[in-house]
Amino acid sequence: MDRRTAIADTALEVIARDGLRALTHRAIDSALDYPAGSTSYYFRTKSDLLAAVAARLVERSRETFMDIAGTESDVATVVARYLHDALTHRMIDLRARSALMLDPAVAHDVRDLLARSFFSLERARALFVDPAHGDGLVSLCEGLMADVMFGRRVSKDVAALQLPISVYLQGAGSSLRGARVDTDLP
């Protein structure tokens, strides 16, 4: 793993564990056992570091999604498995994303990227004849993640996540295009 990636991954961990205020260049250097100033060499400002964190979240999400989509073709199953993976293996990413999105000090462009880091609204809209159904699918998925993160929904089981997604897709059924899951979703 290159240093930029290691720094971004460590920044995610720091934010998820201790909050955005704990994120400093020195904290990253210390956590990675890098010489002082290493993080500053790669990311001059905290804004640069936050932009790298957001970009890393997008990258990790896309990699995970493509791995899951490569083994499955049913839209509801792919989305449910993707959510399950996020909620069981990527809670650090979800916690860091939430902290960053809620902090008014984070630049608007970084928050925009974070908002799209788990689901692509544009790609979801392309799945449907009526783009509003794509908006609804993304909102449903974001809501399911929030329900688990905040303790409202206890089960992270794939089947439990798949049920509301399947119901939504059935309701939007005539609007669903014959999209390919491996290229057209998050």
N, C-alpha and C. Protein backbone atom coordinates (compact mmCIF):
# COMPACT_ATOMS: atom_id res chain seq x y z
N MET A 1 0.85 -1.18 0.00
CA MET A 1 0.00 0.00 0.00
C MET A 1 0.90 1.24 0.00
N ASP A 2 0.58 2.18 -0.86
CA ASP A 2 1.40 3.39 -0.92
C ASP A 2 1.08 4.31 0.27
N ARG A 3 1.92 5.27 0.49
CA ARG A 3 1.77 6.14 1.66
C ARG A 3 0.50 6.98 1.62
N ARG A 4 0.12 7.48 0.47
CA ARG A 4 -1.10 8.29 0.37
C ARG A 4 -2.32 7.46 0.81
N THR A 5 -2.38 6.23 0.35
CA THR A 5 -3.49 5.35 0.72
C THR A 5 -3.46 5.03 2.20
N ALA A 6 -2.27 4.73 2.72
CA ALA A 6 -2.14 4.43 4.15
C ALA A 6 -2.56 5.63 5.00
N ILE A 7 -2.21 6.82 4.57
CA ILE A 7 -2.58 8.04 5.29
C ILE A 7 -4.09 8.22 5.27
N ALA A 8 -4.71 8.06 4.11
CA ALA A 8 -6.17 8.22 4.00
C ALA A 8 -6.89 7.18 4.84
N ASP A 9 -6.44 5.94 4.79
CA ASP A 9 -7.07 4.88 5.58
C ASP A 9 -6.93 5.15 7.08
N THR A 10 -5.76 5.60 7.49
CA THR A 10 -5.55 5.92 8.91
C THR A 10 -6.39 7.11 9.33
N ALA A 11 -6.53 8.09 8.45
CA ALA A 11 -7.39 9.24 8.76
C ALA A 11 -8.83 8.79 8.97
N LEU A 12 -9.30 7.87 8.16
CA LEU A 12 -10.65 7.31 8.36
C LEU A 12 -10.78 6.69 9.74
N GLU A 13 -9.78 5.93 10.14
CA GLU A 13 -9.81 5.28 11.46
C GLU A 13 -9.83 6.30 12.58
N VAL A 14 -9.00 7.34 12.47
CA VAL A 14 -8.93 8.38 13.50
C VAL A 14 -10.27 9.09 13.62
N ILE A 15 -10.84 9.47 12.49
CA ILE A 15 -12.13 10.18 12.51
C ILE A 15 -13.22 9.28 13.09
N ALA A 16 -13.27 8.02 12.67
CA ALA A 16 -14.30 7.10 13.16
C ALA A 16 -14.19 6.86 14.65
N ARG A 17 -12.97 6.77 15.13
CA ARG A 17 -12.73 6.46 16.54
C ARG A 17 -12.85 7.69 17.45
N ASP A 18 -12.25 8.82 17.01
CA ASP A 18 -12.10 9.97 17.91
C ASP A 18 -12.77 11.26 17.42
N GLY A 19 -13.30 11.25 16.21
CA GLY A 19 -13.95 12.45 15.68
C GLY A 19 -12.99 13.30 14.87
N LEU A 20 -13.58 14.24 14.16
CA LEU A 20 -12.81 15.08 13.24
C LEU A 20 -11.81 15.97 13.97
N ARG A 21 -12.12 16.40 15.17
CA ARG A 21 -11.19 17.28 15.90
C ARG A 21 -9.87 16.59 16.23
N ALA A 22 -9.92 15.27 16.32
CA ALA A 22 -8.70 14.51 16.63
C ALA A 22 -7.81 14.31 15.41
N LEU A 23 -8.33 14.62 14.23
CA LEU A 23 -7.57 14.42 13.01
C LEU A 23 -6.56 15.55 12.82
N THR A 24 -5.30 15.20 12.98
CA THR A 24 -4.22 16.14 12.72
C THR A 24 -3.14 15.40 11.93
N HIS A 25 -2.32 16.16 11.27
CA HIS A 25 -1.20 15.55 10.54
C HIS A 25 -0.30 14.79 11.51
N ARG A 26 -0.08 15.36 12.66
CA ARG A 26 0.76 14.72 13.66
C ARG A 26 0.14 13.40 14.15
N ALA A 27 -1.19 13.38 14.32
CA ALA A 27 -1.86 12.15 14.77
C ALA A 27 -1.70 11.03 13.73
N ILE A 28 -1.76 11.38 12.47
CA ILE A 28 -1.59 10.38 11.41
C ILE A 28 -0.14 9.88 11.39
N ASP A 29 0.81 10.81 11.46
CA ASP A 29 2.23 10.41 11.50
C ASP A 29 2.49 9.46 12.66
N SER A 30 1.94 9.78 13.80
CA SER A 30 2.15 8.97 14.99
C SER A 30 1.51 7.59 14.83
N ALA A 31 0.27 7.54 14.35
CA ALA A 31 -0.44 6.27 14.19
C ALA A 31 0.27 5.35 13.20
N LEU A 32 0.88 5.94 12.18
CA LEU A 32 1.58 5.14 11.17
C LEU A 32 3.06 4.95 11.47
N ASP A 33 3.51 5.56 12.56
CA ASP A 33 4.91 5.53 12.93
C ASP A 33 5.79 6.09 11.81
N TYR A 34 5.29 7.17 11.19
CA TYR A 34 6.03 7.89 10.16
C TYR A 34 6.80 9.03 10.81
N PRO A 35 7.87 9.46 10.20
CA PRO A 35 8.59 10.63 10.72
C PRO A 35 7.67 11.86 10.72
N ALA A 36 7.88 12.74 11.68
CA ALA A 36 7.09 13.97 11.76
C ALA A 36 7.15 14.72 10.44
N GLY A 37 6.01 15.19 9.99
CA GLY A 37 5.93 15.95 8.75
C GLY A 37 5.60 15.11 7.52
N SER A 38 5.54 13.80 7.68
CA SER A 38 5.27 12.93 6.53
C SER A 38 3.89 13.18 5.93
N THR A 39 2.88 13.25 6.78
CA THR A 39 1.53 13.48 6.28
C THR A 39 1.44 14.84 5.61
N SER A 40 2.09 15.84 6.19
CA SER A 40 2.10 17.19 5.60
C SER A 40 2.79 17.20 4.24
N TYR A 41 3.76 16.35 4.05
CA TYR A 41 4.44 16.27 2.76
C TYR A 41 3.45 15.86 1.66
N TYR A 42 2.58 14.89 1.98
CA TYR A 42 1.63 14.39 0.99
C TYR A 42 0.36 15.23 0.92
N PHE A 43 -0.07 15.76 2.04
CA PHE A 43 -1.30 16.55 2.11
C PHE A 43 -1.01 17.80 2.94
N ARG A 44 -0.76 18.90 2.25
CA ARG A 44 -0.30 20.14 2.91
C ARG A 44 -1.28 20.64 3.96
N THR A 45 -2.55 20.59 3.66
CA THR A 45 -3.55 21.16 4.57
C THR A 45 -4.52 20.07 5.03
N LYS A 46 -5.25 20.40 6.06
CA LYS A 46 -6.29 19.48 6.53
C LYS A 46 -7.36 19.32 5.45
N SER A 47 -7.64 20.36 4.70
CA SER A 47 -8.60 20.27 3.59
C SER A 47 -8.13 19.28 2.54
N ASP A 48 -6.84 19.30 2.23
CA ASP A 48 -6.29 18.33 1.28
C ASP A 48 -6.44 16.91 1.81
N LEU A 49 -6.20 16.75 3.09
CA LEU A 49 -6.32 15.43 3.72
C LEU A 49 -7.77 14.95 3.69
N LEU A 50 -8.72 15.84 3.96
CA LEU A 50 -10.14 15.46 3.94
C LEU A 50 -10.60 15.11 2.53
N ALA A 51 -10.10 15.81 1.54
CA ALA A 51 -10.43 15.48 0.15
C ALA A 51 -9.91 14.08 -0.19
N ALA A 52 -8.73 13.75 0.29
CA ALA A 52 -8.16 12.41 0.06
C ALA A 52 -8.98 11.34 0.77
N VAL A 53 -9.46 11.65 1.95
CA VAL A 53 -10.30 10.71 2.70
C VAL A 53 -11.59 10.45 1.92
N ALA A 54 -12.22 11.49 1.41
CA ALA A 54 -13.46 11.33 0.64
C ALA A 54 -13.21 10.51 -0.62
N ALA A 55 -12.13 10.81 -1.31
CA ALA A 55 -11.80 10.06 -2.52
C ALA A 55 -11.53 8.59 -2.20
N ARG A 56 -10.89 8.35 -1.07
CA ARG A 56 -10.61 6.96 -0.66
C ARG A 56 -11.90 6.21 -0.34
N LEU A 57 -12.85 6.88 0.28
CA LEU A 57 -14.15 6.24 0.54
C LEU A 57 -14.83 5.84 -0.76
N VAL A 58 -14.80 6.71 -1.74
CA VAL A 58 -15.39 6.39 -3.04
C VAL A 58 -14.68 5.17 -3.63
N GLU A 59 -13.37 5.18 -3.60
CA GLU A 59 -12.59 4.08 -4.16
C GLU A 59 -12.91 2.76 -3.47
N ARG A 60 -12.95 2.77 -2.14
CA ARG A 60 -13.24 1.54 -1.40
C ARG A 60 -14.65 1.04 -1.68
N SER A 61 -15.59 1.98 -1.79
CA SER A 61 -16.97 1.60 -2.08
C SER A 61 -17.09 0.96 -3.45
N ARG A 62 -16.47 1.56 -4.44
CA ARG A 62 -16.54 1.03 -5.81
C ARG A 62 -15.90 -0.35 -5.89
N GLU A 63 -14.75 -0.52 -5.23
CA GLU A 63 -14.10 -1.83 -5.24
C GLU A 63 -15.00 -2.89 -4.62
N THR A 64 -15.57 -2.58 -3.49
CA THR A 64 -16.46 -3.52 -2.81
C THR A 64 -17.67 -3.84 -3.67
N PHE A 65 -18.27 -2.81 -4.23
CA PHE A 65 -19.46 -3.03 -5.05
C PHE A 65 -19.14 -3.91 -6.25
N MET A 66 -18.05 -3.64 -6.92
CA MET A 66 -17.70 -4.41 -8.11
C MET A 66 -17.41 -5.87 -7.76
N ASP A 67 -16.81 -6.11 -6.61
CA ASP A 67 -16.57 -7.49 -6.17
C ASP A 67 -17.90 -8.22 -5.96
N ILE A 68 -18.85 -7.56 -5.34
CA ILE A 68 -20.15 -8.19 -5.07
C ILE A 68 -20.95 -8.35 -6.36
N ALA A 69 -20.97 -7.32 -7.18
CA ALA A 69 -21.74 -7.36 -8.43
C ALA A 69 -21.19 -8.40 -9.39
N GLY A 70 -19.93 -8.72 -9.26
CA GLY A 70 -19.34 -9.72 -10.14
C GLY A 70 -19.81 -11.13 -9.87
N THR A 71 -20.46 -11.35 -8.73
CA THR A 71 -20.93 -12.69 -8.37
C THR A 71 -22.44 -12.83 -8.39
N GLU A 72 -23.15 -11.78 -8.70
CA GLU A 72 -24.61 -11.75 -8.57
C GLU A 72 -25.21 -10.86 -9.64
N SER A 73 -26.44 -11.16 -10.08
CA SER A 73 -27.06 -10.30 -11.08
C SER A 73 -28.39 -9.70 -10.62
N ASP A 74 -29.00 -10.24 -9.59
CA ASP A 74 -30.26 -9.71 -9.08
C ASP A 74 -30.00 -8.40 -8.34
N VAL A 75 -30.67 -7.33 -8.76
CA VAL A 75 -30.42 -6.00 -8.20
C VAL A 75 -30.63 -5.99 -6.69
N ALA A 76 -31.74 -6.53 -6.21
CA ALA A 76 -32.02 -6.51 -4.77
C ALA A 76 -30.97 -7.27 -3.98
N THR A 77 -30.51 -8.39 -4.51
CA THR A 77 -29.49 -9.18 -3.83
C THR A 77 -28.16 -8.45 -3.79
N VAL A 78 -27.78 -7.88 -4.90
CA VAL A 78 -26.51 -7.14 -4.95
C VAL A 78 -26.52 -5.98 -3.96
N VAL A 79 -27.59 -5.20 -3.98
CA VAL A 79 -27.67 -4.04 -3.08
C VAL A 79 -27.68 -4.49 -1.63
N ALA A 80 -28.44 -5.54 -1.31
CA ALA A 80 -28.49 -6.05 0.07
C ALA A 80 -27.14 -6.57 0.52
N ARG A 81 -26.45 -7.29 -0.35
CA ARG A 81 -25.11 -7.79 0.01
C ARG A 81 -24.12 -6.64 0.18
N TYR A 82 -24.25 -5.63 -0.65
CA TYR A 82 -23.39 -4.46 -0.55
C TYR A 82 -23.63 -3.73 0.78
N LEU A 83 -24.89 -3.54 1.14
CA LEU A 83 -25.22 -2.92 2.42
C LEU A 83 -24.71 -3.77 3.58
N HIS A 84 -24.93 -5.07 3.49
CA HIS A 84 -24.47 -5.97 4.54
C HIS A 84 -22.96 -5.84 4.73
N ASP A 85 -22.22 -5.81 3.62
CA ASP A 85 -20.78 -5.66 3.70
C ASP A 85 -20.40 -4.35 4.38
N ALA A 86 -21.06 -3.28 4.00
CA ALA A 86 -20.77 -1.97 4.61
C ALA A 86 -21.04 -2.00 6.11
N LEU A 87 -22.14 -2.62 6.49
CA LEU A 87 -22.55 -2.62 7.90
C LEU A 87 -21.80 -3.62 8.76
N THR A 88 -21.14 -4.57 8.15
CA THR A 88 -20.40 -5.55 8.93
C THR A 88 -18.89 -5.39 8.81
N HIS A 89 -18.41 -4.92 7.68
CA HIS A 89 -16.97 -4.83 7.46
C HIS A 89 -16.44 -3.42 7.28
N ARG A 90 -17.34 -2.45 7.11
CA ARG A 90 -16.87 -1.09 6.80
C ARG A 90 -17.50 -0.05 7.73
N MET A 91 -17.73 -0.43 8.97
CA MET A 91 -18.32 0.53 9.91
C MET A 91 -17.40 1.73 10.14
N ILE A 92 -16.10 1.53 10.06
CA ILE A 92 -15.18 2.65 10.19
C ILE A 92 -15.47 3.68 9.11
N ASP A 93 -15.66 3.20 7.88
CA ASP A 93 -15.98 4.11 6.78
C ASP A 93 -17.30 4.83 7.03
N LEU A 94 -18.30 4.09 7.48
CA LEU A 94 -19.62 4.70 7.72
C LEU A 94 -19.57 5.74 8.84
N ARG A 95 -18.87 5.41 9.91
CA ARG A 95 -18.77 6.37 11.04
C ARG A 95 -18.00 7.62 10.63
N ALA A 96 -16.89 7.43 9.94
CA ALA A 96 -16.09 8.58 9.50
C ALA A 96 -16.91 9.44 8.53
N ARG A 97 -17.59 8.81 7.61
CA ARG A 97 -18.42 9.54 6.63
C ARG A 97 -19.48 10.36 7.35
N SER A 98 -20.15 9.76 8.31
CA SER A 98 -21.19 10.49 9.06
C SER A 98 -20.60 11.69 9.79
N ALA A 99 -19.48 11.48 10.45
CA ALA A 99 -18.84 12.58 11.18
C ALA A 99 -18.47 13.72 10.24
N LEU A 100 -17.91 13.38 9.10
CA LEU A 100 -17.49 14.40 8.14
C LEU A 100 -18.68 15.12 7.51
N MET A 101 -19.72 14.38 7.19
CA MET A 101 -20.88 15.00 6.54
C MET A 101 -21.62 15.95 7.47
N LEU A 102 -21.56 15.69 8.75
CA LEU A 102 -22.28 16.51 9.72
C LEU A 102 -21.48 17.72 10.20
N ASP A 103 -20.20 17.76 9.92
CA ASP A 103 -19.37 18.85 10.40
C ASP A 103 -19.40 20.02 9.42
N PRO A 104 -19.89 21.18 9.85
CA PRO A 104 -19.99 22.33 8.95
C PRO A 104 -18.63 22.88 8.52
N ALA A 105 -17.56 22.48 9.19
CA ALA A 105 -16.23 22.96 8.82
C ALA A 105 -15.68 22.22 7.59
N VAL A 106 -16.28 21.10 7.24
CA VAL A 106 -15.83 20.33 6.08
C VAL A 106 -16.34 21.05 4.82
N ALA A 107 -15.46 21.24 3.87
CA ALA A 107 -15.79 21.97 2.64
C ALA A 107 -16.97 21.33 1.91
N HIS A 108 -17.75 22.17 1.28
CA HIS A 108 -18.96 21.73 0.58
C HIS A 108 -18.64 20.68 -0.49
N ASP A 109 -17.58 20.87 -1.25
CA ASP A 109 -17.24 19.91 -2.31
C ASP A 109 -16.85 18.55 -1.73
N VAL A 110 -16.22 18.54 -0.57
CA VAL A 110 -15.87 17.28 0.10
C VAL A 110 -17.14 16.59 0.59
N ARG A 111 -18.07 17.36 1.17
CA ARG A 111 -19.33 16.77 1.61
C ARG A 111 -20.14 16.23 0.44
N ASP A 112 -20.10 16.91 -0.70
CA ASP A 112 -20.77 16.40 -1.90
C ASP A 112 -20.19 15.06 -2.32
N LEU A 113 -18.89 14.95 -2.30
CA LEU A 113 -18.25 13.68 -2.66
C LEU A 113 -18.60 12.60 -1.65
N LEU A 114 -18.60 12.95 -0.38
CA LEU A 114 -18.97 11.99 0.66
C LEU A 114 -20.41 11.51 0.50
N ALA A 115 -21.30 12.42 0.10
CA ALA A 115 -22.71 12.05 -0.09
C ALA A 115 -22.85 10.99 -1.18
N ARG A 116 -21.93 10.99 -2.13
CA ARG A 116 -21.97 10.03 -3.23
C ARG A 116 -20.98 8.88 -3.03
N SER A 117 -20.36 8.81 -1.87
CA SER A 117 -19.29 7.83 -1.68
C SER A 117 -19.79 6.40 -1.55
N PHE A 118 -21.02 6.19 -1.14
CA PHE A 118 -21.54 4.83 -1.03
C PHE A 118 -22.50 4.49 -2.16
N PHE A 119 -23.25 5.47 -2.65
CA PHE A 119 -24.21 5.23 -3.72
C PHE A 119 -24.14 6.36 -4.73
N SER A 120 -24.15 5.99 -5.99
CA SER A 120 -24.15 6.98 -7.06
C SER A 120 -25.59 7.27 -7.47
N LEU A 121 -26.03 8.47 -7.19
CA LEU A 121 -27.38 8.88 -7.56
C LEU A 121 -27.57 8.81 -9.08
N GLU A 122 -26.56 9.23 -9.81
CA GLU A 122 -26.66 9.21 -11.27
C GLU A 122 -26.84 7.79 -11.80
N ARG A 123 -26.08 6.86 -11.26
CA ARG A 123 -26.20 5.47 -11.72
C ARG A 123 -27.51 4.84 -11.27
N ALA A 124 -27.97 5.19 -10.08
CA ALA A 124 -29.26 4.67 -9.63
C ALA A 124 -30.39 5.21 -10.50
N ARG A 125 -30.32 6.48 -10.87
CA ARG A 125 -31.35 7.06 -11.75
C ARG A 125 -31.37 6.36 -13.10
N ALA A 126 -30.20 5.95 -13.59
CA ALA A 126 -30.11 5.29 -14.90
C ALA A 126 -30.78 3.91 -14.90
N LEU A 127 -31.02 3.34 -13.72
CA LEU A 127 -31.68 2.04 -13.63
C LEU A 127 -33.17 2.12 -13.97
N PHE A 128 -33.74 3.31 -13.88
CA PHE A 128 -35.19 3.46 -13.98
C PHE A 128 -35.58 4.37 -15.13
N VAL A 129 -36.75 4.12 -15.69
CA VAL A 129 -37.32 5.02 -16.69
C VAL A 129 -37.59 6.38 -16.03
N ASP A 130 -38.15 6.33 -14.83
CA ASP A 130 -38.41 7.55 -14.06
C ASP A 130 -37.25 7.75 -13.08
N PRO A 131 -36.40 8.75 -13.31
CA PRO A 131 -35.23 8.96 -12.45
C PRO A 131 -35.57 9.14 -10.97
N ALA A 132 -36.77 9.59 -10.66
CA ALA A 132 -37.17 9.76 -9.26
C ALA A 132 -37.13 8.44 -8.50
N HIS A 133 -37.33 7.33 -9.21
CA HIS A 133 -37.24 6.03 -8.55
C HIS A 133 -35.80 5.72 -8.14
N GLY A 134 -34.84 6.19 -8.92
CA GLY A 134 -33.43 6.04 -8.53
C GLY A 134 -33.13 6.83 -7.27
N ASP A 135 -33.69 8.05 -7.18
CA ASP A 135 -33.54 8.86 -5.97
C ASP A 135 -34.09 8.10 -4.76
N GLY A 136 -35.25 7.48 -4.96
CA GLY A 136 -35.88 6.73 -3.88
C GLY A 136 -35.06 5.53 -3.45
N LEU A 137 -34.47 4.83 -4.42
CA LEU A 137 -33.64 3.67 -4.08
C LEU A 137 -32.44 4.09 -3.25
N VAL A 138 -31.79 5.17 -3.63
CA VAL A 138 -30.64 5.65 -2.86
C VAL A 138 -31.08 6.08 -1.46
N SER A 139 -32.19 6.78 -1.37
CA SER A 139 -32.70 7.20 -0.05
C SER A 139 -33.02 5.99 0.83
N LEU A 140 -33.63 4.97 0.23
CA LEU A 140 -33.93 3.76 0.98
C LEU A 140 -32.64 3.12 1.50
N CYS A 141 -31.65 3.00 0.66
CA CYS A 141 -30.39 2.39 1.07
C CYS A 141 -29.68 3.21 2.15
N GLU A 142 -29.65 4.51 1.99
CA GLU A 142 -29.06 5.38 3.02
C GLU A 142 -29.82 5.23 4.34
N GLY A 143 -31.14 5.14 4.25
CA GLY A 143 -31.96 4.97 5.45
C GLY A 143 -31.72 3.64 6.13
N LEU A 144 -31.57 2.58 5.35
CA LEU A 144 -31.27 1.27 5.94
C LEU A 144 -29.93 1.29 6.66
N MET A 145 -28.94 1.94 6.05
CA MET A 145 -27.63 2.05 6.73
C MET A 145 -27.76 2.84 8.03
N ALA A 146 -28.48 3.95 7.98
CA ALA A 146 -28.65 4.77 9.17
C ALA A 146 -29.41 4.01 10.26
N ASP A 147 -30.43 3.26 9.88
CA ASP A 147 -31.19 2.48 10.86
C ASP A 147 -30.29 1.52 11.63
N VAL A 148 -29.39 0.86 10.93
CA VAL A 148 -28.48 -0.08 11.61
C VAL A 148 -27.44 0.69 12.43
N MET A 149 -26.87 1.73 11.84
CA MET A 149 -25.84 2.49 12.55
C MET A 149 -26.34 3.09 13.86
N PHE A 150 -27.60 3.55 13.84
CA PHE A 150 -28.13 4.24 15.02
C PHE A 150 -28.98 3.33 15.90
N GLY A 151 -28.96 2.03 15.62
CA GLY A 151 -29.59 1.06 16.50
C GLY A 151 -31.07 0.84 16.32
N ARG A 152 -31.66 1.43 15.34
CA ARG A 152 -33.11 1.27 15.13
C ARG A 152 -33.40 -0.09 14.51
N ARG A 153 -32.59 -0.52 13.56
CA ARG A 153 -32.73 -1.83 12.91
C ARG A 153 -31.59 -2.69 13.44
N VAL A 154 -31.95 -3.77 14.09
CA VAL A 154 -30.95 -4.60 14.73
C VAL A 154 -30.28 -5.55 13.73
N SER A 155 -31.04 -6.10 12.81
CA SER A 155 -30.52 -7.11 11.92
C SER A 155 -29.75 -6.50 10.75
N LYS A 156 -28.53 -7.04 10.54
CA LYS A 156 -27.72 -6.67 9.38
C LYS A 156 -27.74 -7.82 8.37
N ASP A 157 -28.57 -8.81 8.63
CA ASP A 157 -28.66 -9.98 7.78
C ASP A 157 -29.04 -9.59 6.35
N VAL A 158 -28.44 -10.25 5.38
CA VAL A 158 -28.69 -9.94 3.98
C VAL A 158 -30.19 -10.03 3.66
N ALA A 159 -30.84 -11.09 4.13
CA ALA A 159 -32.27 -11.27 3.84
C ALA A 159 -33.11 -10.14 4.44
N ALA A 160 -32.76 -9.70 5.63
CA ALA A 160 -33.50 -8.61 6.27
C ALA A 160 -33.31 -7.29 5.52
N LEU A 161 -32.14 -7.09 4.96
CA LEU A 161 -31.87 -5.89 4.17
C LEU A 161 -32.50 -6.00 2.78
N GLN A 162 -32.55 -7.21 2.25
CA GLN A 162 -33.07 -7.42 0.91
C GLN A 162 -34.58 -7.21 0.83
N LEU A 163 -35.31 -7.51 1.88
CA LEU A 163 -36.77 -7.41 1.85
C LEU A 163 -37.26 -6.01 1.47
N PRO A 164 -36.86 -4.94 2.18
CA PRO A 164 -37.37 -3.62 1.78
C PRO A 164 -36.90 -3.19 0.39
N ILE A 165 -35.72 -3.64 -0.01
CA ILE A 165 -35.21 -3.30 -1.34
C ILE A 165 -36.06 -3.99 -2.40
N SER A 166 -36.37 -5.27 -2.18
CA SER A 166 -37.21 -6.01 -3.13
C SER A 166 -38.60 -5.40 -3.23
N VAL A 167 -39.16 -5.03 -2.09
CA VAL A 167 -40.49 -4.41 -2.09
C VAL A 167 -40.44 -3.10 -2.88
N TYR A 168 -39.41 -2.31 -2.66
CA TYR A 168 -39.29 -1.04 -3.39
C TYR A 168 -39.17 -1.30 -4.90
N LEU A 169 -38.31 -2.23 -5.27
CA LEU A 169 -38.12 -2.52 -6.69
C LEU A 169 -39.38 -3.08 -7.34
N GLN A 170 -40.14 -3.88 -6.59
CA GLN A 170 -41.41 -4.39 -7.13
C GLN A 170 -42.38 -3.24 -7.35
N GLY A 171 -42.41 -2.31 -6.42
CA GLY A 171 -43.30 -1.15 -6.56
C GLY A 171 -42.92 -0.27 -7.73
N ALA A 172 -41.65 -0.19 -8.01
CA ALA A 172 -41.16 0.61 -9.13
C ALA A 172 -40.99 -0.23 -10.38
N GLY A 173 -41.44 -1.48 -10.33
CA GLY A 173 -41.21 -2.49 -11.35
C GLY A 173 -41.33 -2.05 -12.79
N SER A 174 -42.41 -1.40 -13.15
CA SER A 174 -42.58 -1.04 -14.56
C SER A 174 -41.61 0.06 -14.98
N SER A 175 -41.03 0.73 -13.99
CA SER A 175 -40.09 1.80 -14.29
C SER A 175 -38.64 1.30 -14.37
N LEU A 176 -38.39 0.07 -13.89
CA LEU A 176 -37.03 -0.47 -13.86
C LEU A 176 -36.59 -0.86 -15.26
N ARG A 177 -35.47 -0.32 -15.67
CA ARG A 177 -34.89 -0.67 -16.97
C ARG A 177 -34.23 -2.04 -16.86
N GLY A 178 -33.90 -2.62 -17.94
CA GLY A 178 -33.17 -3.88 -17.94
C GLY A 178 -31.68 -3.64 -17.72
N ALA A 179 -31.35 -2.93 -16.65
CA ALA A 179 -29.96 -2.53 -16.39
C ALA A 179 -29.13 -3.71 -15.93
N ARG A 180 -27.85 -3.63 -16.22
CA ARG A 180 -26.89 -4.61 -15.76
C ARG A 180 -26.35 -4.16 -14.41
N VAL A 181 -26.49 -5.00 -13.43
CA VAL A 181 -26.07 -4.67 -12.09
C VAL A 181 -24.57 -4.40 -11.99
N ASP A 182 -23.76 -5.15 -12.70
CA ASP A 182 -22.31 -5.03 -12.54
C ASP A 182 -21.76 -3.70 -13.02
N THR A 183 -22.51 -2.98 -13.84
CA THR A 183 -22.00 -1.70 -14.34
C THR A 183 -22.89 -0.53 -13.98
N ASP A 184 -24.11 -0.77 -13.58
CA ASP A 184 -25.06 0.32 -13.47
C ASP A 184 -25.44 0.76 -12.06
N LEU A 185 -24.99 0.05 -11.05
CA LEU A 185 -25.32 0.47 -9.70
C LEU A 185 -24.10 1.12 -9.04
N PRO A 186 -24.19 1.35 -7.72
CA PRO A 186 -23.16 2.14 -7.05
C PRO A 186 -21.81 1.88 -7.58
